[in-house]
Every structure is written in structure tokens, then in C-alpha cells.
Amino acid sequence: MNVTNLILRFLLYGTFLLLGTKVAAGFDSKSAGRAIHGPWGLAVLGVIAALTTFFFVITDTRGSSVGMNGLTWGPSMEAYAALGRFYPGYVAACLLPAIWRTITGRFPALLRGASALLMLGLTLLLVSQLFPLIPAVHLWLRSVINYSAVLATAVGLAGIWFSKAYAKRKARRTT
């Protein structure tokens, strides 16, 4: 069994729980924070984790291949893959309203631009929910969407950090 893939999936869920919690706090969105780490959010995570484990166990994962691409895909493997995209998508959907308020608010341009990149990354993450609808001829789109989502999210988060550091430095110079 390719247990490493399951462990990586749970690490991804934990990363998005932490990311969602911190981003919700950073954007001062109590509703997003409750939706991610409140009782309902943790229930969503628990159900997703249980279903992920269930579909992993019933799927024939003998042999090892990167991304499980070398295995025979069937309904249980499709469900396992969909669940792996669902929780990060759930966290992204919870964060988008708070990020949008920052983009459209009266904040420094650097913060709004970095927030727009973060929103782009999380929106692409939501688009990844539609992967099963992509025809086999255009499977290359999956890689483009995934890597663009990661890049935009990482640059957006770094930009938000830089915006905060710049604002602190600017405030120190004026006092």
C-alpha cells in the first residue's frame, strides 16, 4: 500500500487548517476563522479525513508511483483524489470573502496587490475542483492550474508579509 500518499494527504489537510486559521486571523475575519477551526470546520475536516482513509483503504494501491499515477484509476481512486482537493477548496472558499474586502478596501496598494495574488491562488484552488470535467486531451491544464495556484498563493503570502514589514518600517521613520 502506498501509505506515504495518505500521510502526505493528511499533512496537506493540516497545512491548510493552519494556513486558513492564520490567514483568517490576519484578515481579521472571525467568520472565516469559525468556519475553518470552529466546530463545523473541524467536523468538515473530520469527515473528509475519515472518507479519505476509507477510500484509500478500499483502493488497490499496491506498488508505488509518484502521485499514484501508475495505478489503475477507478471510482474509489477518483473519490480519494476528489477528497484531497475538497478540504483545501473548502478552506479557500472560507477565506475569499475576507480577502476580497481587503482588495476592495482602503488599504495600501502593496497589501491590496498581494491580497489579489493570494485570492488568485485560492480561486485557482477552487477551480481545481473541476478537474474531473477536463477532457483527457487537455490534462496539461491540471498542472498549469495546480502550479499557478501554488505560485500565486506563495507570492501573495510573501507580498502580504512584505507589505506589513514595509508599513512598520515606514511608521518608524515618521515617528
N, C-alpha and C. Protein backbone atom coordinates (compact mmCIF):
# COMPACT_ATOMS: atom_id res chain seq x y z
N MET A 1 0.85 -1.19 0.00
CA MET A 1 0.00 0.00 0.00
C MET A 1 0.88 1.24 0.00
N ASN A 2 0.46 2.22 -0.69
CA ASN A 2 1.21 3.47 -0.82
C ASN A 2 0.79 4.42 0.32
N VAL A 3 1.12 4.05 1.55
CA VAL A 3 0.71 4.80 2.73
C VAL A 3 1.31 6.20 2.75
N THR A 4 2.46 6.37 2.11
CA THR A 4 3.09 7.68 2.07
C THR A 4 2.15 8.72 1.47
N ASN A 5 1.40 8.32 0.44
CA ASN A 5 0.47 9.26 -0.18
C ASN A 5 -0.61 9.68 0.80
N LEU A 6 -1.10 8.75 1.59
CA LEU A 6 -2.11 9.07 2.60
C LEU A 6 -1.55 10.02 3.65
N ILE A 7 -0.33 9.76 4.10
CA ILE A 7 0.31 10.63 5.09
C ILE A 7 0.48 12.04 4.51
N LEU A 8 0.92 12.12 3.27
CA LEU A 8 1.06 13.43 2.62
C LEU A 8 -0.28 14.15 2.52
N ARG A 9 -1.33 13.40 2.26
CA ARG A 9 -2.67 13.98 2.17
C ARG A 9 -3.06 14.59 3.51
N PHE A 10 -2.78 13.88 4.61
CA PHE A 10 -3.11 14.41 5.93
C PHE A 10 -2.23 15.61 6.30
N LEU A 11 -0.98 15.59 5.87
CA LEU A 11 -0.12 16.77 6.07
C LEU A 11 -0.67 17.97 5.31
N LEU A 12 -1.20 17.73 4.11
CA LEU A 12 -1.81 18.80 3.32
C LEU A 12 -3.03 19.36 4.06
N TYR A 13 -3.86 18.48 4.61
CA TYR A 13 -5.03 18.94 5.37
C TYR A 13 -4.60 19.78 6.57
N GLY A 14 -3.58 19.32 7.29
CA GLY A 14 -3.08 20.08 8.44
C GLY A 14 -2.50 21.42 8.04
N THR A 15 -1.81 21.44 6.92
CA THR A 15 -1.24 22.69 6.41
C THR A 15 -2.35 23.68 6.09
N PHE A 16 -3.40 23.21 5.46
CA PHE A 16 -4.50 24.12 5.11
C PHE A 16 -5.29 24.54 6.34
N LEU A 17 -5.39 23.68 7.34
CA LEU A 17 -6.03 24.09 8.60
C LEU A 17 -5.24 25.23 9.23
N LEU A 18 -3.92 25.07 9.30
CA LEU A 18 -3.06 26.10 9.87
C LEU A 18 -3.07 27.37 9.01
N LEU A 19 -2.91 27.21 7.71
CA LEU A 19 -2.92 28.35 6.80
C LEU A 19 -4.23 29.12 6.90
N GLY A 20 -5.34 28.39 6.87
CA GLY A 20 -6.65 29.03 6.95
C GLY A 20 -6.85 29.77 8.25
N THR A 21 -6.42 29.16 9.34
CA THR A 21 -6.56 29.80 10.65
C THR A 21 -5.75 31.09 10.72
N LYS A 22 -4.51 31.03 10.26
CA LYS A 22 -3.64 32.21 10.32
C LYS A 22 -4.08 33.31 9.36
N VAL A 23 -4.49 32.92 8.15
CA VAL A 23 -4.94 33.93 7.18
C VAL A 23 -6.24 34.58 7.64
N ALA A 24 -7.15 33.78 8.20
CA ALA A 24 -8.41 34.35 8.72
C ALA A 24 -8.11 35.35 9.83
N ALA A 25 -7.17 35.01 10.71
CA ALA A 25 -6.80 35.94 11.78
C ALA A 25 -6.12 37.17 11.20
N GLY A 26 -5.26 36.98 10.21
CA GLY A 26 -4.55 38.10 9.60
C GLY A 26 -5.48 39.07 8.90
N PHE A 27 -6.55 38.55 8.31
CA PHE A 27 -7.53 39.41 7.65
C PHE A 27 -8.66 39.80 8.58
N ASP A 28 -8.51 39.47 9.86
CA ASP A 28 -9.47 39.81 10.91
C ASP A 28 -10.88 39.35 10.55
N SER A 29 -10.98 38.10 10.10
CA SER A 29 -12.28 37.54 9.73
C SER A 29 -12.66 36.44 10.72
N LYS A 30 -13.47 36.84 11.69
CA LYS A 30 -13.92 35.88 12.70
C LYS A 30 -14.80 34.80 12.08
N SER A 31 -15.61 35.17 11.08
CA SER A 31 -16.50 34.18 10.46
C SER A 31 -15.68 33.13 9.70
N ALA A 32 -14.64 33.54 8.99
CA ALA A 32 -13.79 32.57 8.29
C ALA A 32 -13.06 31.69 9.29
N GLY A 33 -12.59 32.28 10.38
CA GLY A 33 -11.92 31.51 11.42
C GLY A 33 -12.84 30.46 12.02
N ARG A 34 -14.09 30.85 12.32
CA ARG A 34 -15.05 29.89 12.87
C ARG A 34 -15.36 28.79 11.86
N ALA A 35 -15.48 29.17 10.58
CA ALA A 35 -15.80 28.18 9.53
C ALA A 35 -14.67 27.18 9.33
N ILE A 36 -13.44 27.58 9.66
CA ILE A 36 -12.29 26.71 9.44
C ILE A 36 -11.94 25.91 10.69
N HIS A 37 -11.83 26.58 11.84
CA HIS A 37 -11.39 25.86 13.04
C HIS A 37 -12.44 25.83 14.15
N GLY A 38 -13.66 26.24 13.82
CA GLY A 38 -14.76 26.10 14.76
C GLY A 38 -15.32 24.68 14.71
N PRO A 39 -16.40 24.44 15.45
CA PRO A 39 -16.96 23.08 15.48
C PRO A 39 -17.35 22.54 14.09
N TRP A 40 -17.97 23.38 13.27
CA TRP A 40 -18.37 22.91 11.94
C TRP A 40 -17.16 22.67 11.05
N GLY A 41 -16.19 23.55 11.12
CA GLY A 41 -14.99 23.39 10.32
C GLY A 41 -14.21 22.14 10.68
N LEU A 42 -14.10 21.88 11.98
CA LEU A 42 -13.40 20.66 12.42
C LEU A 42 -14.21 19.42 12.06
N ALA A 43 -15.54 19.55 12.07
CA ALA A 43 -16.38 18.42 11.64
C ALA A 43 -16.16 18.13 10.16
N VAL A 44 -16.08 19.18 9.34
CA VAL A 44 -15.79 19.00 7.92
C VAL A 44 -14.45 18.30 7.74
N LEU A 45 -13.44 18.76 8.47
CA LEU A 45 -12.12 18.13 8.40
C LEU A 45 -12.18 16.67 8.83
N GLY A 46 -12.89 16.38 9.90
CA GLY A 46 -13.01 15.00 10.39
C GLY A 46 -13.69 14.08 9.38
N VAL A 47 -14.78 14.56 8.79
CA VAL A 47 -15.50 13.76 7.79
C VAL A 47 -14.60 13.53 6.57
N ILE A 48 -13.94 14.58 6.12
CA ILE A 48 -13.05 14.45 4.96
C ILE A 48 -11.92 13.48 5.25
N ALA A 49 -11.33 13.58 6.45
CA ALA A 49 -10.23 12.67 6.82
C ALA A 49 -10.72 11.22 6.89
N ALA A 50 -11.90 11.01 7.47
CA ALA A 50 -12.44 9.64 7.56
C ALA A 50 -12.74 9.08 6.17
N LEU A 51 -13.37 9.89 5.32
CA LEU A 51 -13.67 9.42 3.96
C LEU A 51 -12.40 9.19 3.15
N THR A 52 -11.40 10.06 3.34
CA THR A 52 -10.13 9.88 2.65
C THR A 52 -9.51 8.54 3.04
N THR A 53 -9.51 8.25 4.34
CA THR A 53 -8.96 6.98 4.81
C THR A 53 -9.76 5.81 4.25
N PHE A 54 -11.08 5.91 4.28
CA PHE A 54 -11.93 4.84 3.76
C PHE A 54 -11.63 4.55 2.29
N PHE A 55 -11.62 5.59 1.47
CA PHE A 55 -11.37 5.37 0.04
C PHE A 55 -9.95 4.91 -0.23
N PHE A 56 -9.01 5.32 0.60
CA PHE A 56 -7.65 4.83 0.45
C PHE A 56 -7.58 3.33 0.73
N VAL A 57 -8.24 2.91 1.81
CA VAL A 57 -8.19 1.51 2.21
C VAL A 57 -8.87 0.60 1.18
N ILE A 58 -9.97 1.04 0.58
CA ILE A 58 -10.67 0.16 -0.37
C ILE A 58 -10.07 0.20 -1.77
N THR A 59 -9.12 1.10 -1.99
CA THR A 59 -8.48 1.21 -3.31
C THR A 59 -7.24 0.33 -3.34
N ASP A 60 -7.03 -0.33 -4.46
CA ASP A 60 -5.83 -1.15 -4.62
C ASP A 60 -4.66 -0.21 -4.90
N THR A 61 -3.83 0.01 -3.89
CA THR A 61 -2.69 0.94 -4.02
C THR A 61 -1.37 0.19 -3.96
N ARG A 62 -1.39 -1.10 -4.30
CA ARG A 62 -0.14 -1.87 -4.29
C ARG A 62 0.82 -1.29 -5.32
N GLY A 63 2.06 -1.28 -4.95
CA GLY A 63 3.05 -0.67 -5.83
C GLY A 63 3.18 0.79 -5.49
N SER A 64 4.23 1.38 -5.92
CA SER A 64 4.45 2.78 -5.60
C SER A 64 4.66 3.55 -6.88
N SER A 65 4.01 4.68 -6.97
CA SER A 65 4.21 5.57 -8.10
C SER A 65 3.96 6.98 -7.63
N VAL A 66 4.69 7.90 -8.19
CA VAL A 66 4.56 9.30 -7.81
C VAL A 66 3.14 9.77 -8.12
N GLY A 67 2.49 10.33 -7.13
CA GLY A 67 1.14 10.83 -7.30
C GLY A 67 0.13 9.73 -7.58
N MET A 68 0.53 8.50 -7.40
CA MET A 68 -0.33 7.33 -7.65
C MET A 68 -0.77 7.26 -9.11
N ASN A 69 -0.06 7.93 -9.99
CA ASN A 69 -0.44 7.96 -11.41
C ASN A 69 -0.24 6.63 -12.10
N GLY A 70 0.62 5.77 -11.58
CA GLY A 70 0.87 4.48 -12.20
C GLY A 70 -0.16 3.42 -11.82
N LEU A 71 -1.11 3.78 -10.98
CA LEU A 71 -2.12 2.82 -10.53
C LEU A 71 -3.35 2.88 -11.43
N THR A 72 -4.14 1.82 -11.35
CA THR A 72 -5.39 1.78 -12.13
C THR A 72 -6.42 2.68 -11.46
N TRP A 73 -6.93 3.61 -12.23
CA TRP A 73 -7.91 4.55 -11.68
C TRP A 73 -9.30 3.96 -11.81
N GLY A 74 -10.05 4.07 -10.74
CA GLY A 74 -11.43 3.62 -10.71
C GLY A 74 -12.22 4.58 -9.84
N PRO A 75 -13.46 4.25 -9.55
CA PRO A 75 -14.30 5.15 -8.73
C PRO A 75 -13.71 5.47 -7.36
N SER A 76 -13.12 4.48 -6.70
CA SER A 76 -12.57 4.75 -5.36
C SER A 76 -11.36 5.67 -5.43
N MET A 77 -10.55 5.51 -6.47
CA MET A 77 -9.37 6.38 -6.64
C MET A 77 -9.83 7.80 -7.00
N GLU A 78 -10.86 7.92 -7.82
CA GLU A 78 -11.41 9.24 -8.17
C GLU A 78 -11.94 9.94 -6.91
N ALA A 79 -12.64 9.18 -6.06
CA ALA A 79 -13.17 9.76 -4.82
C ALA A 79 -12.03 10.20 -3.90
N TYR A 80 -11.00 9.37 -3.81
CA TYR A 80 -9.83 9.70 -3.00
C TYR A 80 -9.18 10.99 -3.49
N ALA A 81 -9.03 11.11 -4.80
CA ALA A 81 -8.43 12.32 -5.38
C ALA A 81 -9.32 13.54 -5.16
N ALA A 82 -10.62 13.37 -5.33
CA ALA A 82 -11.56 14.49 -5.14
C ALA A 82 -11.55 14.98 -3.70
N LEU A 83 -11.48 14.06 -2.76
CA LEU A 83 -11.43 14.45 -1.34
C LEU A 83 -10.15 15.21 -1.03
N GLY A 84 -9.06 14.84 -1.69
CA GLY A 84 -7.80 15.55 -1.49
C GLY A 84 -7.87 16.99 -1.95
N ARG A 85 -8.73 17.26 -2.92
CA ARG A 85 -8.91 18.64 -3.40
C ARG A 85 -9.99 19.37 -2.60
N PHE A 86 -10.91 18.62 -2.01
CA PHE A 86 -12.08 19.24 -1.38
C PHE A 86 -11.73 20.07 -0.15
N TYR A 87 -10.94 19.51 0.79
CA TYR A 87 -10.68 20.28 2.00
C TYR A 87 -9.90 21.56 1.72
N PRO A 88 -8.82 21.53 0.93
CA PRO A 88 -8.17 22.81 0.59
C PRO A 88 -9.14 23.77 -0.09
N GLY A 89 -10.02 23.25 -0.93
CA GLY A 89 -11.02 24.10 -1.58
C GLY A 89 -11.99 24.70 -0.58
N TYR A 90 -12.36 23.92 0.42
CA TYR A 90 -13.26 24.41 1.48
C TYR A 90 -12.62 25.57 2.22
N VAL A 91 -11.35 25.39 2.60
CA VAL A 91 -10.63 26.46 3.31
C VAL A 91 -10.53 27.70 2.42
N ALA A 92 -10.22 27.50 1.15
CA ALA A 92 -10.12 28.64 0.21
C ALA A 92 -11.44 29.38 0.12
N ALA A 93 -12.53 28.65 0.02
CA ALA A 93 -13.86 29.28 -0.08
C ALA A 93 -14.18 30.08 1.18
N CYS A 94 -13.74 29.61 2.33
CA CYS A 94 -13.99 30.33 3.58
C CYS A 94 -13.21 31.64 3.64
N LEU A 95 -12.04 31.68 3.02
CA LEU A 95 -11.16 32.86 3.11
C LEU A 95 -11.45 33.93 2.06
N LEU A 96 -12.02 33.56 0.94
CA LEU A 96 -12.17 34.52 -0.17
C LEU A 96 -12.94 35.79 0.18
N PRO A 97 -14.06 35.73 0.93
CA PRO A 97 -14.75 36.99 1.25
C PRO A 97 -13.88 37.98 2.03
N ALA A 98 -13.12 37.49 3.00
CA ALA A 98 -12.26 38.39 3.79
C ALA A 98 -11.16 39.00 2.92
N ILE A 99 -10.60 38.19 2.04
CA ILE A 99 -9.54 38.69 1.15
C ILE A 99 -10.13 39.73 0.20
N TRP A 100 -11.33 39.47 -0.29
CA TRP A 100 -11.99 40.42 -1.21
C TRP A 100 -12.22 41.76 -0.53
N ARG A 101 -12.61 41.74 0.75
CA ARG A 101 -12.82 43.00 1.48
C ARG A 101 -11.52 43.81 1.55
N THR A 102 -10.40 43.14 1.67
CA THR A 102 -9.12 43.83 1.71
C THR A 102 -8.78 44.41 0.34
N ILE A 103 -9.01 43.64 -0.70
CA ILE A 103 -8.69 44.10 -2.06
C ILE A 103 -9.51 45.34 -2.41
N THR A 104 -10.77 45.36 -2.02
CA THR A 104 -11.65 46.48 -2.38
C THR A 104 -11.67 47.58 -1.32
N GLY A 105 -10.97 47.39 -0.21
CA GLY A 105 -10.97 48.38 0.87
C GLY A 105 -9.92 49.46 0.66
N ARG A 106 -9.83 50.33 1.63
CA ARG A 106 -8.87 51.43 1.60
C ARG A 106 -7.61 51.02 2.34
N PHE A 107 -6.84 50.20 1.69
CA PHE A 107 -5.59 49.71 2.25
C PHE A 107 -4.46 50.09 1.31
N PRO A 108 -3.23 50.00 1.76
CA PRO A 108 -2.10 50.33 0.88
C PRO A 108 -2.11 49.44 -0.37
N ALA A 109 -1.65 50.02 -1.47
CA ALA A 109 -1.67 49.32 -2.76
C ALA A 109 -0.88 48.01 -2.71
N LEU A 110 0.23 48.00 -1.99
CA LEU A 110 1.03 46.78 -1.89
C LEU A 110 0.25 45.65 -1.23
N LEU A 111 -0.47 45.96 -0.17
CA LEU A 111 -1.28 44.97 0.52
C LEU A 111 -2.43 44.49 -0.38
N ARG A 112 -3.07 45.43 -1.06
CA ARG A 112 -4.18 45.04 -1.95
C ARG A 112 -3.68 44.17 -3.10
N GLY A 113 -2.51 44.50 -3.67
CA GLY A 113 -1.95 43.70 -4.76
C GLY A 113 -1.56 42.30 -4.30
N ALA A 114 -0.93 42.21 -3.14
CA ALA A 114 -0.54 40.91 -2.60
C ALA A 114 -1.79 40.09 -2.26
N SER A 115 -2.80 40.75 -1.74
CA SER A 115 -4.06 40.06 -1.43
C SER A 115 -4.73 39.56 -2.71
N ALA A 116 -4.61 40.33 -3.77
CA ALA A 116 -5.18 39.90 -5.06
C ALA A 116 -4.47 38.64 -5.56
N LEU A 117 -3.15 38.57 -5.39
CA LEU A 117 -2.41 37.36 -5.78
C LEU A 117 -2.83 36.17 -4.92
N LEU A 118 -3.00 36.40 -3.64
CA LEU A 118 -3.47 35.33 -2.76
C LEU A 118 -4.86 34.86 -3.18
N MET A 119 -5.71 35.82 -3.51
CA MET A 119 -7.06 35.46 -3.95
C MET A 119 -7.01 34.68 -5.26
N LEU A 120 -6.15 35.07 -6.17
CA LEU A 120 -5.99 34.34 -7.43
C LEU A 120 -5.59 32.89 -7.15
N GLY A 121 -4.61 32.70 -6.28
CA GLY A 121 -4.17 31.35 -5.94
C GLY A 121 -5.27 30.51 -5.33
N LEU A 122 -6.03 31.09 -4.42
CA LEU A 122 -7.11 30.35 -3.78
C LEU A 122 -8.27 30.11 -4.73
N THR A 123 -8.50 31.04 -5.65
CA THR A 123 -9.54 30.84 -6.66
C THR A 123 -9.16 29.69 -7.60
N LEU A 124 -7.89 29.65 -7.98
CA LEU A 124 -7.42 28.53 -8.82
C LEU A 124 -7.55 27.21 -8.07
N LEU A 125 -7.37 27.25 -6.77
CA LEU A 125 -7.56 26.05 -5.96
C LEU A 125 -9.01 25.59 -6.04
N LEU A 126 -9.93 26.54 -6.03
CA LEU A 126 -11.34 26.20 -6.19
C LEU A 126 -11.63 25.65 -7.59
N VAL A 127 -10.96 26.22 -8.59
CA VAL A 127 -11.13 25.74 -9.97
C VAL A 127 -10.68 24.28 -10.08
N SER A 128 -9.71 23.90 -9.26
CA SER A 128 -9.21 22.52 -9.32
C SER A 128 -10.30 21.50 -8.95
N GLN A 129 -11.36 21.95 -8.33
CA GLN A 129 -12.48 21.05 -8.02
C GLN A 129 -13.12 20.51 -9.30
N LEU A 130 -12.91 21.22 -10.40
CA LEU A 130 -13.50 20.84 -11.69
C LEU A 130 -12.60 19.92 -12.51
N PHE A 131 -11.50 19.44 -11.95
CA PHE A 131 -10.57 18.59 -12.70
C PHE A 131 -11.24 17.40 -13.39
N PRO A 132 -12.21 16.74 -12.75
CA PRO A 132 -12.82 15.60 -13.45
C PRO A 132 -13.52 15.99 -14.76
N LEU A 133 -13.84 17.26 -14.92
CA LEU A 133 -14.53 17.72 -16.13
C LEU A 133 -13.58 18.06 -17.27
N ILE A 134 -12.28 18.07 -17.00
CA ILE A 134 -11.30 18.40 -18.03
C ILE A 134 -11.12 17.19 -18.94
N PRO A 135 -11.33 17.38 -20.25
CA PRO A 135 -11.16 16.25 -21.17
C PRO A 135 -9.71 15.75 -21.18
N ALA A 136 -9.55 14.46 -21.49
CA ALA A 136 -8.22 13.83 -21.48
C ALA A 136 -7.23 14.56 -22.37
N VAL A 137 -7.72 15.18 -23.44
CA VAL A 137 -6.84 15.90 -24.37
C VAL A 137 -6.19 17.11 -23.69
N HIS A 138 -6.85 17.66 -22.70
CA HIS A 138 -6.36 18.88 -22.04
C HIS A 138 -5.90 18.63 -20.60
N LEU A 139 -5.41 17.44 -20.30
CA LEU A 139 -4.96 17.15 -18.94
C LEU A 139 -3.79 18.03 -18.50
N TRP A 140 -3.06 18.61 -19.44
CA TRP A 140 -1.96 19.51 -19.10
C TRP A 140 -2.47 20.71 -18.30
N LEU A 141 -3.76 21.04 -18.45
CA LEU A 141 -4.34 22.16 -17.70
C LEU A 141 -4.28 21.93 -16.19
N ARG A 142 -4.35 20.67 -15.78
CA ARG A 142 -4.29 20.38 -14.35
C ARG A 142 -2.98 20.87 -13.75
N SER A 143 -1.88 20.59 -14.43
CA SER A 143 -0.58 21.03 -13.93
C SER A 143 -0.48 22.55 -13.93
N VAL A 144 -0.97 23.17 -14.98
CA VAL A 144 -0.92 24.64 -15.08
C VAL A 144 -1.73 25.25 -13.94
N ILE A 145 -2.92 24.72 -13.70
CA ILE A 145 -3.78 25.25 -12.63
C ILE A 145 -3.14 25.02 -11.27
N ASN A 146 -2.66 23.81 -11.02
CA ASN A 146 -2.06 23.49 -9.71
C ASN A 146 -0.83 24.34 -9.42
N TYR A 147 0.10 24.40 -10.38
CA TYR A 147 1.34 25.15 -10.13
C TYR A 147 1.08 26.66 -10.08
N SER A 148 0.15 27.14 -10.86
CA SER A 148 -0.21 28.57 -10.80
C SER A 148 -0.84 28.90 -9.46
N ALA A 149 -1.68 28.00 -8.95
CA ALA A 149 -2.31 28.21 -7.64
C ALA A 149 -1.24 28.29 -6.54
N VAL A 150 -0.30 27.37 -6.57
CA VAL A 150 0.76 27.37 -5.56
C VAL A 150 1.61 28.63 -5.67
N LEU A 151 1.99 28.98 -6.88
CA LEU A 151 2.85 30.15 -7.08
C LEU A 151 2.14 31.44 -6.66
N ALA A 152 0.91 31.63 -7.10
CA ALA A 152 0.17 32.85 -6.75
C ALA A 152 -0.07 32.93 -5.23
N THR A 153 -0.39 31.81 -4.61
CA THR A 153 -0.61 31.80 -3.16
C THR A 153 0.67 32.13 -2.41
N ALA A 154 1.77 31.51 -2.80
CA ALA A 154 3.05 31.76 -2.12
C ALA A 154 3.51 33.21 -2.30
N VAL A 155 3.42 33.71 -3.52
CA VAL A 155 3.85 35.10 -3.77
C VAL A 155 2.90 36.07 -3.05
N GLY A 156 1.61 35.75 -3.04
CA GLY A 156 0.65 36.60 -2.33
C GLY A 156 0.94 36.66 -0.84
N LEU A 157 1.20 35.50 -0.23
CA LEU A 157 1.53 35.47 1.21
C LEU A 157 2.82 36.22 1.49
N ALA A 158 3.83 36.02 0.64
CA ALA A 158 5.10 36.74 0.81
C ALA A 158 4.88 38.24 0.65
N GLY A 159 4.04 38.63 -0.30
CA GLY A 159 3.75 40.04 -0.50
C GLY A 159 3.03 40.66 0.68
N ILE A 160 2.14 39.91 1.29
CA ILE A 160 1.44 40.41 2.48
C ILE A 160 2.45 40.61 3.62
N TRP A 161 3.35 39.65 3.80
CA TRP A 161 4.39 39.79 4.81
C TRP A 161 5.25 41.03 4.51
N PHE A 162 5.66 41.19 3.26
CA PHE A 162 6.49 42.34 2.87
C PHE A 162 5.73 43.64 3.10
N SER A 163 4.45 43.67 2.79
CA SER A 163 3.63 44.86 2.99
C SER A 163 3.59 45.25 4.47
N LYS A 164 3.46 44.25 5.33
CA LYS A 164 3.44 44.51 6.77
C LYS A 164 4.79 45.06 7.23
N ALA A 165 5.88 44.44 6.78
CA ALA A 165 7.22 44.89 7.16
C ALA A 165 7.47 46.31 6.65
N TYR A 166 7.05 46.59 5.43
CA TYR A 166 7.23 47.92 4.85
C TYR A 166 6.43 48.97 5.64
N ALA A 167 5.21 48.63 6.01
CA ALA A 167 4.38 49.57 6.77
C ALA A 167 4.99 49.86 8.14
N LYS A 168 5.54 48.83 8.79
CA LYS A 168 6.19 49.05 10.10
C LYS A 168 7.41 49.94 9.96
N ARG A 169 8.19 49.69 8.94
CA ARG A 169 9.40 50.49 8.72
C ARG A 169 9.04 51.94 8.41
N LYS A 170 8.02 52.12 7.59
CA LYS A 170 7.56 53.45 7.24
C LYS A 170 7.05 54.19 8.48
N ALA A 171 6.33 53.48 9.34
CA ALA A 171 5.80 54.09 10.56
C ALA A 171 6.95 54.49 11.49
N ARG A 172 8.01 53.68 11.55
CA ARG A 172 9.15 54.00 12.40
C ARG A 172 9.87 55.26 11.91
N ARG A 173 9.94 55.42 10.58
CA ARG A 173 10.63 56.59 10.02
C ARG A 173 9.86 57.87 10.26
N THR A 174 8.55 57.80 10.33
CA THR A 174 7.75 59.01 10.52
C THR A 174 7.64 59.42 11.98
N THR A 175 8.01 58.53 12.90
CA THR A 175 7.91 58.90 14.32
C THR A 175 9.21 59.35 14.89
